[in-house]
């Protein structure tokens, strides 16, 4: 049963193989096994690749199975259509398009398994890239809010500077009227005279302005600080919202790019391995000598070709013979006087009938 299954996988004619030698049967079992296990590897590789895309086992297995069947059918077609020739160069020329197709299939199959084999190294590369993207994202978002936040902070500094300037002015006036009272400056008269009173009133007015300025600027500072807090919160929200996108930066394309960042030699050897697996059925048929099975298939094809050629020649001869007979018969008929007179009489009757019909139609029009 297993032997028949691998024969089916090889695309060979099982009826002919059953009548062939043991060595021929074993050869096609090997070819069929190679085709089958290549399809299995394609199923595993595509399932993993699709899992990285859909993140769902059932979807990945379903589409992976379809891809595996597709590869199986392609390999089976490639192997079954290579016919053994008496000239090796003709065989190589015949197999060239199939070898190119096999190379393409090997690339498609090997890439997902390379990603699985080097998964840890790829994750490390992706982690580095994610960290760089996170920093770049934060800087980019910060650049959107920094000008406005900086402007508000400058306005707060100006408001504080106004308060400090007013405090300095008030303190200076306080020192002035105290010195006037002590007689150490100004009029240098000890006591609280008119000048002292004038300077005291000026200080009190400035102090009152300072207190009012503190109240007004405090309100403005609180408002601007609230605006800064809102902008910072909005900035942090954008960072939080965009972070899942960066965290999800591990799809199929990202992993392929990360794989390309790794040394090429290990990946190249894995590709060579799958290329050898994929092209082994083709090269096995090219290298193997023309065997009993090939001669039997050639004999069957030649018999069919001969039979079809004979049928085509017979049909062509029948057509030619019928054409020649028709020419001879119609030539003889054209020379018979009785047939000529019969045709002439019929023509006269037709013309007379047409004339009568025309005369009746004219009579109806006149009447």
Protein backbone atom coordinates (compact mmCIF):
# COMPACT_ATOMS: atom_id res chain seq x y z
CA UNK A 1 0.00 0.00 0.00
CA UNK A 2 2.81 2.41 0.91
CA UNK A 3 4.61 1.47 -2.30
CA UNK A 4 1.54 2.30 -4.39
CA UNK A 5 1.16 5.60 -2.56
CA UNK A 6 4.74 6.66 -3.37
CA UNK A 7 4.23 5.53 -6.96
CA UNK A 8 1.25 7.85 -7.11
CA UNK A 9 3.38 10.64 -5.63
CA UNK A 10 6.00 10.13 -8.34
CA UNK A 11 3.42 10.63 -11.08
CA UNK A 12 4.32 7.32 -12.72
CA UNK A 13 1.95 4.94 -14.52
CA UNK A 14 1.31 2.30 -11.84
CA UNK A 15 0.04 -0.28 -14.36
CA UNK A 16 3.33 -0.10 -16.26
CA UNK A 17 5.38 -0.09 -13.04
CA UNK A 18 3.71 -3.27 -11.83
CA UNK A 19 5.06 -5.09 -14.90
CA UNK A 20 8.53 -3.55 -14.55
CA UNK A 21 11.56 -4.86 -12.72
CA UNK A 22 12.11 -4.52 -8.97
CA UNK A 23 14.83 -1.92 -9.41
CA UNK A 24 12.51 0.30 -11.45
CA UNK A 25 9.82 0.02 -8.79
CA UNK A 26 12.29 0.95 -6.03
CA UNK A 27 13.54 3.93 -8.05
CA UNK A 28 10.07 5.41 -8.38
CA UNK A 29 9.31 4.72 -4.73
CA UNK A 30 12.33 6.90 -3.89
CA UNK A 31 11.22 9.63 -6.28
CA UNK A 32 7.67 9.59 -4.89
CA UNK A 33 8.97 9.67 -1.31
CA UNK A 34 11.07 12.72 -2.10
CA UNK A 35 8.07 14.49 -3.62
CA UNK A 36 5.90 13.62 -0.62
CA UNK A 37 8.34 14.69 2.08
CA UNK A 38 9.11 17.90 0.22
CA UNK A 39 5.38 18.69 0.38
CA UNK A 40 5.39 17.88 4.12
CA UNK A 41 8.27 20.30 4.67
CA UNK A 42 6.37 22.91 2.63
CA UNK A 43 3.30 22.39 4.85
CA UNK A 44 5.33 22.85 8.05
CA UNK A 45 7.17 25.90 6.73
CA UNK A 46 4.09 27.66 5.36
CA UNK A 47 2.06 26.91 8.52
CA UNK A 48 4.69 28.60 10.66
CA UNK A 49 4.94 31.55 8.27
CA UNK A 50 1.16 31.99 8.21
CA UNK A 51 1.00 31.69 12.01
CA UNK A 52 3.27 34.72 12.27
CA UNK A 53 0.76 36.55 10.06
CA UNK A 54 -2.63 35.43 11.45
CA UNK A 55 -1.55 34.40 14.98
CA UNK A 56 -4.11 31.58 14.81
CA UNK A 57 -3.29 27.86 14.74
CA UNK A 58 -6.37 26.73 12.80
CA UNK A 59 -6.00 29.37 10.09
CA UNK A 60 -2.28 28.68 9.76
CA UNK A 61 -2.77 24.90 9.51
CA UNK A 62 -5.64 25.26 7.01
CA UNK A 63 -3.78 27.52 4.59
CA UNK A 64 -0.54 25.62 5.25
CA UNK A 65 -2.26 22.42 4.14
CA UNK A 66 -3.43 24.12 0.94
CA UNK A 67 0.11 25.35 0.26
CA UNK A 68 1.56 21.90 0.94
CA UNK A 69 -0.89 20.31 -1.51
CA UNK A 70 -0.01 22.94 -4.08
CA UNK A 71 3.72 22.20 -3.74
CA UNK A 72 2.99 18.46 -3.87
CA UNK A 73 1.04 18.87 -7.09
CA UNK A 74 3.74 21.07 -8.64
CA UNK A 75 6.54 18.64 -7.74
CA UNK A 76 4.54 15.69 -8.99
CA UNK A 77 3.85 17.52 -12.24
CA UNK A 78 7.51 18.48 -12.67
CA UNK A 79 8.75 14.92 -12.13
CA UNK A 80 6.07 13.23 -14.23
CA UNK A 81 6.62 15.48 -17.25
CA UNK A 82 10.36 14.84 -17.53
CA UNK A 83 10.74 12.20 -20.21
CA UNK A 84 13.96 10.25 -20.71
CA UNK A 85 15.62 11.05 -24.04
CA UNK A 86 18.43 9.42 -25.98
CA UNK A 87 20.27 12.76 -25.88
CA UNK A 88 21.29 14.03 -22.42
CA UNK A 89 21.40 17.66 -23.57
CA UNK A 90 17.78 17.42 -24.67
CA UNK A 91 16.90 16.10 -21.21
CA UNK A 92 18.77 18.97 -19.54
CA UNK A 93 17.08 21.52 -21.81
CA UNK A 94 13.73 19.91 -21.07
CA UNK A 95 14.38 20.07 -17.32
CA UNK A 96 15.74 23.65 -17.22
CA UNK A 97 12.39 25.42 -16.69
CA UNK A 98 11.47 22.85 -14.06
CA UNK A 99 14.80 23.37 -12.25
CA UNK A 100 14.16 27.14 -12.18
CA UNK A 101 10.70 26.49 -10.75
CA UNK A 102 12.23 24.13 -8.18
CA UNK A 103 14.69 26.86 -7.09
CA UNK A 104 11.80 29.29 -6.58
CA UNK A 105 9.89 26.70 -4.54
CA UNK A 106 13.00 25.95 -2.46
CA UNK A 107 13.38 29.64 -1.61
CA UNK A 108 9.72 29.88 -0.59
CA UNK A 109 9.93 26.74 1.54
CA UNK A 110 13.26 27.46 3.24
CA UNK A 111 12.62 31.05 4.33
CA UNK A 112 9.92 30.33 6.99
CA UNK A 113 11.96 27.48 8.48
CA UNK A 114 15.01 29.72 8.62
CA UNK A 115 12.92 32.16 10.66
CA UNK A 116 11.93 29.36 13.03
CA UNK A 117 15.47 27.99 13.37
CA UNK A 118 16.90 31.46 14.08
CA UNK A 119 13.89 32.59 16.09
CA UNK A 120 15.90 33.63 19.19
CA UNK A 121 18.38 35.65 17.16
CA UNK A 122 15.54 37.26 15.20
CA UNK A 123 13.76 38.16 18.46
CA UNK A 124 16.93 39.87 19.67
CA UNK A 125 17.17 41.90 16.48
CA UNK A 126 13.47 42.78 16.71
CA UNK A 127 13.89 43.84 20.36
CA UNK A 128 16.68 46.23 19.38
CA UNK A 129 14.58 47.60 16.55
CA UNK A 130 11.55 48.00 18.82
CA UNK A 131 13.63 49.91 21.38
CA UNK A 132 14.91 52.21 18.67
CA UNK A 133 11.37 52.70 17.35
CA UNK A 134 10.10 53.43 20.87
CA UNK A 135 12.71 56.13 21.44
CA UNK A 136 12.14 57.60 17.99
CA UNK A 137 8.37 57.56 18.56
CA UNK A 138 8.68 59.34 21.92
CA UNK A 139 10.97 61.97 20.41
CA UNK A 140 8.65 62.48 17.48
CA UNK A 141 5.60 62.90 19.72
CA UNK A 142 7.56 65.14 22.09
CA UNK A 143 8.51 67.40 19.16
CA UNK A 144 4.81 67.97 18.56
CA UNK A 145 4.15 69.23 22.12
CA UNK A 146 7.52 70.69 23.17
CA UNK A 147 7.10 74.15 21.48
CA UNK A 148 3.75 74.79 23.14
CA UNK A 149 4.91 73.51 26.54
CA UNK A 150 8.09 75.59 26.32
CA UNK A 151 6.07 78.70 25.46
CA UNK A 152 3.80 78.16 28.49
CA UNK A 153 6.82 77.59 30.76
CA UNK A 154 8.37 80.85 29.51
CA UNK A 155 5.13 82.67 30.27
CA UNK A 156 5.13 81.23 33.81
CA UNK A 157 8.74 82.37 34.27
CA UNK A 158 7.80 85.87 33.16
CA UNK A 159 4.91 85.99 35.64
CA UNK A 160 7.22 84.86 38.45
CA UNK A 161 9.81 87.41 37.41
CA UNK A 162 7.14 90.14 37.63
CA UNK A 163 6.41 89.08 41.22
CA UNK A 164 10.11 89.00 42.10
CA UNK A 165 10.63 92.46 40.58
CA UNK A 166 7.71 93.84 42.55
CA UNK A 167 9.01 92.23 45.74
CA UNK A 168 12.43 93.78 45.16
CA UNK A 169 10.81 97.18 44.66
CA UNK A 170 8.71 96.77 47.80
CA UNK A 171 11.72 95.69 49.89
CA UNK A 172 13.71 98.66 48.64
CA UNK A 173 10.93 101.06 49.66
CA UNK A 174 10.72 99.35 53.05
CA UNK A 175 14.44 99.85 53.64
CA UNK A 176 14.09 103.49 52.55
CA UNK A 177 11.35 104.47 54.98
CA UNK A 178 12.95 102.52 57.86
CA UNK A 179 16.23 104.31 57.24
CA UNK A 180 14.34 107.61 57.16
CA UNK A 181 12.77 106.81 60.56
CA UNK A 182 16.13 105.84 62.01
CA UNK A 183 17.82 108.92 60.54
CA UNK A 184 20.48 106.89 58.73
CA UNK A 185 19.45 108.01 55.22
CA UNK A 186 17.31 110.58 53.46
CA UNK A 187 16.89 113.69 55.66
CA UNK A 188 18.93 111.95 58.40
CA UNK A 189 16.49 113.29 61.00
CA UNK A 190 15.47 110.79 63.67
CA UNK A 191 11.74 110.30 63.93
CA UNK A 192 8.68 109.81 61.77
CA UNK A 193 8.32 113.09 59.97
CA UNK A 194 6.53 114.07 56.74
CA UNK A 195 9.19 112.48 54.52
CA UNK A 196 8.92 109.22 56.46
CA UNK A 197 5.15 109.33 56.07
CA UNK A 198 5.44 109.91 52.32
CA UNK A 199 7.88 107.02 51.89
CA UNK A 200 5.77 104.77 54.13
CA UNK A 201 2.68 105.45 52.00
CA UNK A 202 4.60 104.73 48.83
CA UNK A 203 5.81 101.42 50.28
CA UNK A 204 2.35 100.48 51.46
CA UNK A 205 0.92 101.16 47.99
CA UNK A 206 3.67 99.05 46.39
CA UNK A 207 3.07 96.28 48.93
CA UNK A 208 -0.63 96.32 48.12
CA UNK A 209 0.19 96.11 44.40
CA UNK A 210 2.55 93.22 45.17
CA UNK A 211 -0.14 91.28 47.01
CA UNK A 212 -2.64 91.87 44.20
CA UNK A 213 0.00 90.91 41.62
CA UNK A 214 0.71 87.67 43.48
CA UNK A 215 -3.01 86.81 43.47
CA UNK A 216 -3.45 87.62 39.76
CA UNK A 217 -0.25 85.94 38.61
CA UNK A 218 -0.92 82.91 40.81
CA UNK A 219 -4.21 82.39 38.98
CA UNK A 220 -2.46 82.78 35.62
CA UNK A 221 0.35 80.44 36.69
CA UNK A 222 -2.14 77.80 37.82
CA UNK A 223 -3.99 78.02 34.51
CA UNK A 224 -0.79 77.66 32.50
CA UNK A 225 0.43 74.81 34.70
CA UNK A 226 -2.93 73.10 34.13
CA UNK A 227 -2.46 73.57 30.37
CA UNK A 228 1.05 72.09 30.61
CA UNK A 229 -0.27 69.13 32.61
CA UNK A 230 -3.00 68.56 29.99
CA UNK A 231 -0.43 68.67 27.18
CA UNK A 232 1.88 66.28 29.03
CA UNK A 233 -1.05 63.92 29.63
CA UNK A 234 -2.03 64.13 25.97
CA UNK A 235 1.57 63.43 24.99
CA UNK A 236 1.75 60.40 27.28
CA UNK A 237 -1.59 59.12 25.93
CA UNK A 238 -0.24 59.26 22.39
CA UNK A 239 2.85 57.36 23.46
CA UNK A 240 0.69 54.72 25.16
CA UNK A 241 -1.64 54.40 22.15
CA UNK A 242 1.21 54.05 19.66
CA UNK A 243 3.22 51.60 21.77
CA UNK A 244 1.07 48.52 20.89
CA UNK A 245 1.84 49.18 17.22
CA UNK A 246 5.54 49.07 18.00
CA UNK A 247 5.09 46.01 20.24
CA UNK A 248 3.30 44.28 17.35
CA UNK A 249 6.25 44.93 15.05
CA UNK A 250 7.03 41.23 14.64
CA UNK A 251 5.09 40.22 11.55
CA UNK A 252 6.34 38.17 8.61
CA UNK A 253 8.01 41.06 6.78
CA UNK A 254 9.64 42.35 9.98
CA UNK A 255 11.04 38.89 10.71
CA UNK A 256 12.34 38.48 7.15
CA UNK A 257 14.10 41.84 7.42
CA UNK A 258 15.48 40.85 10.83
CA UNK A 259 16.71 37.56 9.33
CA UNK A 260 18.55 39.54 6.67
CA UNK A 261 20.37 41.37 9.44
CA UNK A 262 21.95 38.08 10.59
CA UNK A 263 25.02 36.47 8.96
CA UNK A 264 24.08 35.12 5.53
CA UNK A 265 26.11 31.88 5.58
CA UNK A 266 23.85 29.76 7.89
CA UNK A 267 20.73 30.84 5.97
CA UNK A 268 22.47 30.06 2.70
CA UNK A 269 23.29 26.50 3.78
CA UNK A 270 19.68 25.93 4.85
CA UNK A 271 18.57 27.18 1.44
CA UNK A 272 21.02 24.78 -0.23
CA UNK A 273 19.57 21.94 1.84
CA UNK A 274 16.02 22.63 0.65
CA UNK A 275 17.23 23.23 -2.88
CA UNK A 276 18.84 19.79 -2.84
CA UNK A 277 15.63 18.25 -1.49
CA UNK A 278 13.45 20.04 -4.04
CA UNK A 279 15.63 19.29 -7.07
CA UNK A 280 16.60 15.75 -6.07
CA UNK A 281 13.67 14.09 -7.94
CA UNK A 282 14.57 16.03 -11.09
CA UNK A 283 18.28 15.25 -10.93
CA UNK A 284 17.60 11.64 -10.02
CA UNK A 285 15.65 11.26 -13.26
CA UNK A 286 18.34 13.10 -15.22
CA UNK A 287 21.21 11.07 -13.77
CA UNK A 288 19.48 7.69 -13.89
CA UNK A 289 19.91 5.75 -17.13
CA UNK A 290 16.95 5.02 -19.33
CA UNK A 291 15.25 2.07 -17.69
CA UNK A 292 12.64 -0.55 -18.44
CA UNK A 293 9.79 1.71 -17.38
CA UNK A 294 10.95 4.47 -19.74
CA UNK A 295 11.15 2.09 -22.69
CA UNK A 296 7.66 0.77 -21.98
CA UNK A 297 6.23 4.28 -21.72
CA UNK A 298 8.00 5.23 -24.93
CA UNK A 299 6.60 2.15 -26.64
CA UNK A 300 3.06 2.99 -25.51
CA UNK A 301 3.39 6.61 -26.62
CA UNK A 302 4.86 5.57 -30.00
CA UNK A 303 2.00 3.09 -30.52
CA UNK A 304 -0.58 5.77 -29.80
CA UNK A 305 1.28 8.25 -32.00
CA UNK A 306 1.41 5.73 -34.87
CA UNK A 307 -2.28 4.89 -34.52
CA UNK A 308 -3.27 8.57 -34.51
CA UNK A 309 -1.06 9.24 -37.55
CA UNK A 310 -2.69 6.35 -39.42
CA UNK A 311 -6.15 7.65 -38.58
CA UNK A 312 -5.25 11.12 -39.79
CA UNK A 313 -3.83 9.73 -43.05
CA UNK A 314 -6.97 7.59 -43.59
CA UNK A 315 -9.25 10.58 -43.09
CA UNK A 316 -7.14 12.65 -45.49
CA UNK A 317 -7.31 9.88 -48.13
CA UNK A 318 -11.07 9.55 -47.76
CA UNK A 319 -11.50 13.30 -48.26
CA UNK A 320 -9.24 13.34 -51.31
CA UNK A 321 -10.96 10.30 -52.87
CA UNK A 322 -14.43 11.75 -52.32
CA UNK A 323 -13.35 15.04 -53.88
CA UNK A 324 -11.96 13.31 -56.99
CA UNK A 325 -15.14 11.23 -57.41
CA UNK A 326 -17.34 14.30 -57.17
CA UNK A 327 -15.33 16.05 -59.86
CA UNK A 328 -15.65 13.09 -62.26
CA UNK A 329 -19.38 12.60 -61.60
CA UNK A 330 -20.32 16.26 -62.05
CA UNK A 331 -18.19 16.54 -65.19
CA UNK A 332 -20.08 13.60 -66.77
CA UNK A 333 -23.48 15.00 -65.69
CA UNK A 334 -22.69 18.37 -67.24
CA UNK A 335 -22.30 16.68 -70.68
CA UNK A 336 -25.73 14.87 -70.70
CA UNK A 337 -28.29 16.59 -73.02
CA UNK A 338 -31.36 15.20 -71.21
CA UNK A 339 -30.26 16.78 -67.94
CA UNK A 340 -29.62 20.05 -69.79
CA UNK A 341 -33.12 20.08 -71.27
CA UNK A 342 -34.65 19.25 -67.89
CA UNK A 343 -32.84 22.12 -66.19
CA UNK A 344 -33.87 24.47 -69.05
CA UNK A 345 -37.53 23.53 -68.73
CA UNK A 346 -37.53 24.08 -64.98
CA UNK A 347 -35.91 27.49 -65.44
CA UNK A 348 -38.66 28.46 -67.96
CA UNK A 349 -41.39 27.40 -65.53
CA UNK A 350 -39.85 29.47 -62.73
CA UNK A 351 -39.61 32.54 -64.96
CA UNK A 352 -43.23 32.11 -66.13
CA UNK A 353 -44.46 31.83 -62.53
CA UNK A 354 -42.61 35.02 -61.57
CA UNK A 355 -44.10 36.88 -64.60
CA UNK A 356 -47.65 35.77 -63.73
CA UNK A 357 -47.23 36.84 -60.11
CA UNK A 358 -45.98 40.27 -61.20
CA UNK A 359 -48.94 40.73 -63.62
CA UNK A 360 -51.51 39.90 -60.93
CA UNK A 361 -49.93 42.34 -58.48
CA UNK A 362 -50.12 45.14 -61.07
CA UNK A 363 -53.79 44.36 -61.76
CA UNK A 364 -54.62 44.68 -58.07
CA UNK A 365 -52.90 48.05 -57.87
CA UNK A 366 -54.80 49.38 -60.96
CA UNK A 367 -58.15 47.96 -59.78
